[in-house]
Amino acid sequence: MSGEPKRVGVVDVVPNAVRVQIDDVPVLGRSSGRGWLYATRGLEAFDQQELVLVVRKLPGEVRPPDFPYTLFATIHREAVEGRTVEAGGLTKIDPPPHGPALGGFLYEAAPPIIRALATTVGRRPPLLVVPLLAGEIDVALQFGRSRVLTVLGHEAGCHPFPWWFDSTRRPLLDLAAQRAHSILGKSAIMHTPYLTLRLKGLRLTLSVDVESRRRMLRTLSTAPDIVALLPGVPFAEENIYLWRPGQNEPVVYTSRYVENSGPVLPGDMAIGLNFLMLGHWAGKGIGNQKEDGFMALLPEPVWREFLTNLDAGRSKVWWLVGDTPGPWELELRMRSGGDAEQR
């Protein structure tokens, strides 16, 4: 990474409560440049993780944009009232009258590069704020944050997604097109940001933080027999499935910015998934890769075992013989809070 961070200044967003430190930092992708890095100070006093947001600098821009201050002040007000945001959360807003046509913000665990650039002092690592344009936030709500962020990452040339916001970019996802072409358009959905998904060969792995297992169990206990689980971003995977409306063949987006538009053969690589259509029924176990995710129908006995092991926090692998495409494996992997999910 070329260039060093440069201190720009400090802004009092909430007098005597929240300050924002602003640095001029390098950003990389398909085109290098500089960005404004905003890092809060003071939110942790209200049990809210500190926040970091990066906006790519425009040519000749000498003054940082103001829109992040409104968000930080809002988060402070919510935290004072006992409502905090965490990794996997989001905030939807009405597009502001001026500036970029923002639709909302996603909150993610700060990747290593942010932890290196930001000098936020706190008991916990900061959250990264990811701004989305109007329309994109609606796609994230209905089709999952991981699908949205993977498309943004592929477009920007930054794996798994850009940690900065480009205020000049066009919207990259359209809600109507997603509803018309994706199998998720008519599916029951549940957001499970504590879950990550991986497909390697014929093995589908569901990785769940052991501390979140009861949360997932409650989610599944209220779900219909077939539901689409929308997971967190598979940070640990070098390869992630990428899907856009009209796409017929599997496409894999890799950390080397290479895409394979042909069939992805079993066993070739480990690939992160952006959804799991999960169901249970009286028939055989069926598993199939679909779009940027996976569809799995479990026999009732396996489903009951799956829930039992999830409740107990036990990892297990099931070998399933289905009608199509053939034998496959289902792995439930319980990870402790100390297991790294980011590379």
Protein backbone atom coordinates (compact mmCIF):
# COMPACT_ATOMS: atom_id res chain seq x y z
CA MET A 1 0.00 0.00 0.00
CA SER A 2 1.59 3.25 -1.14
CA GLY A 3 1.50 6.45 0.90
CA GLU A 4 1.07 6.99 4.60
CA PRO A 5 -2.00 8.17 6.53
CA LYS A 6 -2.06 11.91 7.16
CA ARG A 7 -3.94 13.57 10.01
CA VAL A 8 -6.56 16.02 8.73
CA GLY A 9 -8.32 17.10 11.91
CA VAL A 10 -10.86 16.34 14.63
CA VAL A 11 -14.55 17.27 14.58
CA ASP A 12 -16.85 17.42 17.63
CA VAL A 13 -19.98 15.66 16.40
CA VAL A 14 -21.70 15.58 19.79
CA PRO A 15 -20.19 18.14 22.20
CA ASN A 16 -18.51 16.52 25.21
CA ALA A 17 -19.50 13.05 23.94
CA VAL A 18 -18.40 12.04 20.43
CA ARG A 19 -15.47 13.29 18.41
CA VAL A 20 -14.42 12.14 14.94
CA GLN A 21 -10.80 11.92 13.90
CA ILE A 22 -10.25 12.35 10.16
CA ASP A 23 -7.21 11.02 8.30
CA ASP A 24 -6.20 11.10 4.65
CA VAL A 25 -5.37 7.46 3.80
CA PRO A 26 -4.45 5.41 0.70
CA VAL A 27 -7.11 3.21 -0.89
CA LEU A 28 -6.42 0.43 -3.36
CA GLY A 29 -8.45 -1.46 -5.92
CA ARG A 30 -8.46 -1.48 -9.67
CA SER A 31 -7.42 2.17 -9.41
CA SER A 32 -5.40 3.56 -6.52
CA GLY A 33 -6.18 6.82 -4.79
CA ARG A 34 -6.74 8.45 -1.42
CA GLY A 35 -9.65 8.50 0.96
CA TRP A 36 -11.08 10.30 3.98
CA LEU A 37 -11.06 7.98 6.99
CA TYR A 38 -13.51 8.93 9.76
CA ALA A 39 -12.98 7.25 13.16
CA THR A 40 -15.21 7.98 16.16
CA ARG A 41 -14.12 8.54 19.74
CA GLY A 42 -16.58 8.34 22.62
CA LEU A 43 -19.27 5.89 21.50
CA GLU A 44 -17.83 3.11 23.62
CA ALA A 45 -18.81 5.05 26.74
CA PHE A 46 -22.39 4.21 25.70
CA ASP A 47 -21.66 0.50 25.10
CA GLN A 48 -21.44 1.08 21.34
CA GLN A 49 -18.40 -0.08 19.38
CA GLU A 50 -16.53 2.78 17.77
CA LEU A 51 -17.18 3.26 14.05
CA VAL A 52 -14.90 3.73 11.04
CA LEU A 53 -16.07 4.94 7.62
CA VAL A 54 -13.88 5.64 4.59
CA VAL A 55 -14.93 7.82 1.62
CA ARG A 56 -12.82 7.87 -1.52
CA LYS A 57 -11.51 11.37 -2.26
CA LEU A 58 -12.69 13.09 -5.42
CA PRO A 59 -10.11 14.76 -7.68
CA GLY A 60 -9.26 18.16 -6.21
CA GLU A 61 -11.38 17.59 -3.10
CA VAL A 62 -9.90 19.38 -0.08
CA ARG A 63 -12.77 19.13 2.44
CA PRO A 64 -14.17 15.85 3.80
CA PRO A 65 -17.89 15.25 3.06
CA ASP A 66 -20.29 15.97 5.92
CA PHE A 67 -22.74 13.04 5.63
CA PRO A 68 -20.86 10.70 8.04
CA TYR A 69 -21.38 13.17 10.91
CA THR A 70 -25.15 12.78 10.71
CA LEU A 71 -24.84 9.01 10.96
CA PHE A 72 -22.47 9.16 13.93
CA ALA A 73 -24.74 11.58 15.79
CA THR A 74 -27.72 9.30 15.12
CA ILE A 75 -25.85 6.23 16.37
CA HIS A 76 -24.91 8.14 19.52
CA ARG A 77 -28.52 9.14 20.15
CA GLU A 78 -29.66 5.54 19.69
CA ALA A 79 -26.91 4.24 21.97
CA VAL A 80 -27.92 6.68 24.72
CA GLU A 81 -31.40 5.12 24.55
CA GLY A 82 -29.92 1.61 24.77
CA ARG A 83 -30.07 0.67 21.08
CA THR A 84 -26.69 -0.20 19.58
CA VAL A 85 -25.53 -1.54 16.22
CA GLU A 86 -23.26 -4.53 15.78
CA ALA A 87 -21.55 -6.48 13.01
CA GLY A 88 -24.24 -7.89 10.75
CA GLY A 89 -26.62 -4.99 11.38
CA LEU A 90 -27.85 -2.28 9.04
CA THR A 91 -29.53 1.11 9.03
CA LYS A 92 -31.92 2.17 6.27
CA ILE A 93 -32.40 5.89 5.61
CA ASP A 94 -34.29 8.16 3.24
CA PRO A 95 -31.96 9.44 0.50
CA PRO A 96 -30.59 12.85 1.57
CA PRO A 97 -31.51 15.91 -0.55
CA HIS A 98 -27.85 16.64 -1.28
CA GLY A 99 -24.78 14.53 -1.91
CA PRO A 100 -24.71 10.83 -2.87
CA ALA A 101 -28.08 9.05 -3.11
CA LEU A 102 -27.52 6.98 0.00
CA GLY A 103 -30.05 4.36 1.02
CA GLY A 104 -28.45 3.05 4.18
CA PHE A 105 -25.45 1.55 5.89
CA LEU A 106 -24.17 -1.94 6.68
CA TYR A 107 -21.99 -2.65 9.71
CA GLU A 108 -19.18 -5.19 9.44
CA ALA A 109 -16.32 -6.33 11.63
CA ALA A 110 -13.38 -4.13 10.68
CA PRO A 111 -10.97 -5.99 8.36
CA PRO A 112 -7.24 -6.01 9.21
CA ILE A 113 -6.44 -3.08 6.92
CA ILE A 114 -8.92 -0.86 8.78
CA ARG A 115 -7.52 -1.92 12.13
CA ALA A 116 -4.08 -0.95 10.82
CA LEU A 117 -5.15 2.44 9.42
CA ALA A 118 -7.51 3.53 12.18
CA THR A 119 -6.02 4.42 15.54
CA THR A 120 -9.31 4.15 17.40
CA VAL A 121 -8.66 3.36 21.04
CA GLY A 122 -11.24 1.15 22.68
CA ARG A 123 -11.80 -2.13 24.45
CA ARG A 124 -13.12 -3.70 21.25
CA PRO A 125 -12.13 -3.43 17.57
CA PRO A 126 -14.19 -0.83 15.67
CA LEU A 127 -17.03 -1.56 13.28
CA LEU A 128 -16.63 -0.71 9.61
CA VAL A 129 -19.54 1.27 8.15
CA VAL A 130 -20.33 0.38 4.52
CA PRO A 131 -22.61 2.93 2.80
CA LEU A 132 -25.05 1.59 0.18
CA LEU A 133 -26.95 3.55 -2.43
CA ALA A 134 -30.75 3.77 -2.59
CA GLY A 135 -32.05 0.44 -3.88
CA GLU A 136 -28.94 -1.49 -2.86
CA ILE A 137 -29.98 -1.45 0.78
CA ASP A 138 -33.32 -3.00 -0.25
CA VAL A 139 -31.47 -5.78 -2.08
CA ALA A 140 -29.41 -6.38 1.06
CA LEU A 141 -32.61 -6.65 3.11
CA GLN A 142 -34.28 -9.17 0.80
CA PHE A 143 -31.35 -11.02 -0.79
CA GLY A 144 -28.62 -10.67 1.81
CA ARG A 145 -25.65 -8.45 2.59
CA SER A 146 -23.18 -11.05 1.32
CA ARG A 147 -24.63 -11.04 -2.21
CA VAL A 148 -24.53 -7.23 -2.31
CA LEU A 149 -21.02 -6.87 -0.93
CA THR A 150 -19.61 -9.53 -3.25
CA VAL A 151 -20.91 -7.63 -6.29
CA LEU A 152 -19.43 -4.38 -4.92
CA GLY A 153 -16.09 -6.11 -4.32
CA HIS A 154 -15.94 -7.58 -7.81
CA GLU A 155 -16.72 -4.20 -9.36
CA ALA A 156 -14.10 -2.37 -7.28
CA GLY A 157 -11.42 -5.05 -7.49
CA CYS A 158 -11.22 -5.41 -3.71
CA HIS A 159 -11.83 -8.78 -2.03
CA PRO A 160 -14.25 -9.54 -0.46
CA PHE A 161 -15.70 -6.01 -0.71
CA PRO A 162 -14.40 -2.42 -0.84
CA TRP A 163 -13.76 -0.97 2.60
CA TRP A 164 -14.25 2.53 1.20
CA PHE A 165 -17.24 4.28 -0.40
CA ASP A 166 -17.02 5.79 -3.88
CA SER A 167 -19.60 8.58 -4.00
CA THR A 168 -19.40 8.75 -7.83
CA ARG A 169 -20.29 5.14 -8.53
CA ARG A 170 -23.59 4.03 -10.03
CA PRO A 171 -26.00 1.64 -8.25
CA LEU A 172 -24.87 -1.92 -8.93
CA LEU A 173 -27.93 -3.91 -7.86
CA ASP A 174 -31.57 -3.48 -8.84
CA LEU A 175 -34.32 -4.80 -6.58
CA ALA A 176 -36.84 -5.44 -9.39
CA ALA A 177 -34.30 -7.45 -11.41
CA GLN A 178 -33.34 -9.51 -8.38
CA ARG A 179 -36.98 -10.29 -7.62
CA ALA A 180 -37.68 -11.26 -11.21
CA HIS A 181 -34.69 -13.55 -11.77
CA SER A 182 -33.48 -14.95 -8.45
CA ILE A 183 -34.88 -18.05 -6.76
CA LEU A 184 -34.80 -15.98 -3.58
CA GLY A 185 -37.40 -13.61 -5.03
CA LYS A 186 -40.31 -15.70 -3.79
CA SER A 187 -38.63 -17.40 -0.82
CA ALA A 188 -39.07 -16.98 2.88
CA ILE A 189 -35.85 -15.47 4.20
CA MET A 190 -34.08 -15.13 7.52
CA HIS A 191 -30.95 -13.07 8.18
CA THR A 192 -28.22 -15.10 9.90
CA PRO A 193 -25.08 -12.89 9.91
CA TYR A 194 -23.44 -15.17 12.50
CA LEU A 195 -23.45 -18.00 9.93
CA THR A 196 -20.92 -18.46 7.12
CA LEU A 197 -21.17 -20.98 4.30
CA ARG A 198 -18.56 -22.87 2.33
CA LEU A 199 -18.73 -25.42 -0.50
CA LYS A 200 -15.74 -27.60 -1.28
CA GLY A 201 -16.31 -30.43 -3.69
CA LEU A 202 -19.33 -32.31 -2.37
CA ARG A 203 -19.13 -30.96 1.18
CA LEU A 204 -21.33 -28.08 2.34
CA THR A 205 -20.06 -26.52 5.58
CA LEU A 206 -22.21 -24.37 7.87
CA SER A 207 -19.92 -22.52 10.27
CA VAL A 208 -21.63 -21.05 13.34
CA ASP A 209 -20.17 -19.11 16.25
CA VAL A 210 -20.85 -21.36 19.24
CA GLU A 211 -22.14 -18.36 21.20
CA SER A 212 -24.75 -17.72 18.48
CA ARG A 213 -26.01 -21.30 18.20
CA ARG A 214 -29.12 -20.72 20.35
CA ARG A 215 -29.95 -17.66 18.26
CA MET A 216 -29.79 -19.79 15.13
CA LEU A 217 -31.82 -22.52 16.80
CA ARG A 218 -34.58 -20.03 17.62
CA THR A 219 -34.49 -18.80 14.03
CA LEU A 220 -34.90 -22.30 12.62
CA SER A 221 -37.61 -23.24 15.13
CA THR A 222 -39.85 -20.45 13.80
CA ALA A 223 -38.94 -20.92 10.12
CA PRO A 224 -41.13 -22.61 7.50
CA ASP A 225 -40.12 -26.04 6.21
CA ILE A 226 -38.04 -24.38 3.49
CA VAL A 227 -36.29 -21.07 4.20
CA ALA A 228 -33.42 -19.09 2.69
CA LEU A 229 -30.73 -18.30 5.25
CA LEU A 230 -28.82 -15.11 4.41
CA PRO A 231 -25.38 -15.43 6.03
CA GLY A 232 -22.52 -13.13 6.85
CA VAL A 233 -19.73 -12.36 4.40
CA PRO A 234 -17.35 -15.36 4.09
CA PHE A 235 -14.23 -13.32 4.90
CA ALA A 236 -12.09 -16.42 5.35
CA GLU A 237 -12.65 -17.68 1.80
CA GLU A 238 -10.39 -16.63 -1.07
CA ASN A 239 -13.16 -17.61 -3.51
CA ILE A 240 -16.80 -16.52 -3.35
CA TYR A 241 -19.69 -17.24 -5.71
CA LEU A 242 -20.90 -14.17 -7.58
CA TRP A 243 -24.34 -13.85 -9.15
CA ARG A 244 -26.14 -11.25 -11.24
CA PRO A 245 -29.59 -11.45 -12.89
CA GLY A 246 -29.39 -13.25 -16.22
CA GLN A 247 -26.30 -15.24 -15.28
CA ASN A 248 -26.64 -18.93 -16.14
CA GLU A 249 -23.26 -20.43 -15.23
CA PRO A 250 -21.49 -20.35 -11.85
CA VAL A 251 -19.01 -17.50 -11.52
CA VAL A 252 -16.37 -17.40 -8.81
CA TYR A 253 -14.86 -14.13 -7.61
CA THR A 254 -11.40 -14.67 -6.10
CA SER A 255 -8.96 -12.64 -4.04
CA ARG A 256 -6.83 -12.41 -7.18
CA TYR A 257 -9.69 -10.63 -9.02
CA VAL A 258 -10.02 -13.55 -11.48
CA GLU A 259 -13.44 -14.82 -12.49
CA ASN A 260 -14.24 -18.19 -14.01
CA SER A 261 -17.40 -17.93 -16.08
CA GLY A 262 -17.46 -21.64 -16.90
CA PRO A 263 -18.72 -24.51 -14.76
CA VAL A 264 -17.01 -24.85 -11.39
CA LEU A 265 -16.15 -28.52 -10.97
CA PRO A 266 -16.50 -30.31 -7.60
CA GLY A 267 -13.21 -30.44 -5.74
CA ASP A 268 -11.60 -27.60 -7.66
CA MET A 269 -11.65 -25.09 -4.81
CA ALA A 270 -13.29 -24.05 -1.56
CA ILE A 271 -15.92 -21.41 -2.33
CA GLY A 272 -17.88 -19.08 -0.05
CA LEU A 273 -21.66 -19.00 -0.50
CA ASN A 274 -24.09 -16.10 -0.18
CA PHE A 275 -27.23 -18.02 0.81
CA LEU A 276 -28.52 -21.43 1.85
CA MET A 277 -32.00 -22.58 0.88
CA LEU A 278 -32.53 -25.05 3.70
CA GLY A 279 -35.46 -27.43 4.09
CA HIS A 280 -36.48 -30.75 5.55
CA TRP A 281 -38.88 -33.38 4.28
CA ALA A 282 -39.71 -37.10 4.25
CA GLY A 283 -37.56 -37.86 1.17
CA LYS A 284 -33.84 -38.35 0.63
CA GLY A 285 -31.19 -35.70 1.17
CA ILE A 286 -30.85 -33.47 -1.89
CA GLY A 287 -28.16 -30.85 -2.36
CA ASN A 288 -27.44 -28.61 -5.32
CA GLN A 289 -25.50 -25.42 -5.99
CA LYS A 290 -27.81 -22.58 -7.11
CA GLU A 291 -26.87 -19.04 -8.22
CA ASP A 292 -24.39 -17.84 -5.56
CA GLY A 293 -25.69 -20.22 -2.92
CA PHE A 294 -26.83 -23.77 -2.22
CA MET A 295 -30.14 -25.61 -1.92
CA ALA A 296 -30.33 -28.44 0.62
CA LEU A 297 -33.28 -30.66 1.54
CA LEU A 298 -32.58 -32.83 4.58
CA PRO A 299 -34.38 -36.05 5.54
CA GLU A 300 -36.36 -35.58 8.73
CA PRO A 301 -34.04 -37.79 10.88
CA VAL A 302 -30.99 -35.78 9.75
CA TRP A 303 -32.86 -32.54 10.40
CA ARG A 304 -33.62 -33.57 13.98
CA GLU A 305 -29.97 -34.60 14.51
CA PHE A 306 -28.84 -31.31 13.02
CA LEU A 307 -30.94 -29.30 15.50
CA THR A 308 -29.81 -31.47 18.42
CA ASN A 309 -26.13 -30.96 17.60
CA LEU A 310 -26.65 -27.25 17.01
CA ASP A 311 -28.28 -26.92 20.43
CA ALA A 312 -25.42 -28.81 22.08
CA GLY A 313 -22.73 -26.89 20.23
CA ARG A 314 -21.32 -30.05 18.64
CA SER A 315 -19.72 -30.24 15.22
CA LYS A 316 -20.76 -33.15 13.00
CA VAL A 317 -20.70 -34.38 9.40
CA TRP A 318 -23.57 -36.21 7.68
CA TRP A 319 -23.15 -38.21 4.48
CA LEU A 320 -26.31 -37.98 2.39
CA VAL A 321 -27.45 -39.98 -0.61
CA GLY A 322 -29.87 -37.98 -2.69
CA ASP A 323 -31.70 -38.39 -5.97
CA THR A 324 -29.79 -35.45 -7.48
CA PRO A 325 -26.92 -34.80 -7.96
CA GLY A 326 -25.78 -37.79 -5.88
CA PRO A 327 -23.93 -38.37 -2.60
CA TRP A 328 -22.91 -35.22 -0.73
CA GLU A 329 -21.85 -34.20 2.75
CA LEU A 330 -23.29 -31.73 5.22
CA GLU A 331 -20.95 -30.38 7.90
CA LEU A 332 -22.03 -28.39 10.94
CA ARG A 333 -18.92 -26.67 12.28
CA MET A 334 -19.08 -24.88 15.59
CA ARG A 335 -16.42 -22.21 15.91
CA SER A 336 -15.38 -20.51 19.13
CA GLY A 337 -15.29 -16.74 19.46
CA GLY A 338 -11.49 -16.90 19.11
CA ASP A 339 -11.56 -18.62 15.72
CA ALA A 340 -10.57 -16.17 12.99
CA GLU A 341 -13.13 -15.75 10.27
CA GLN A 342 -11.13 -13.05 8.52
CA ARG A 343 -7.97 -13.64 6.63
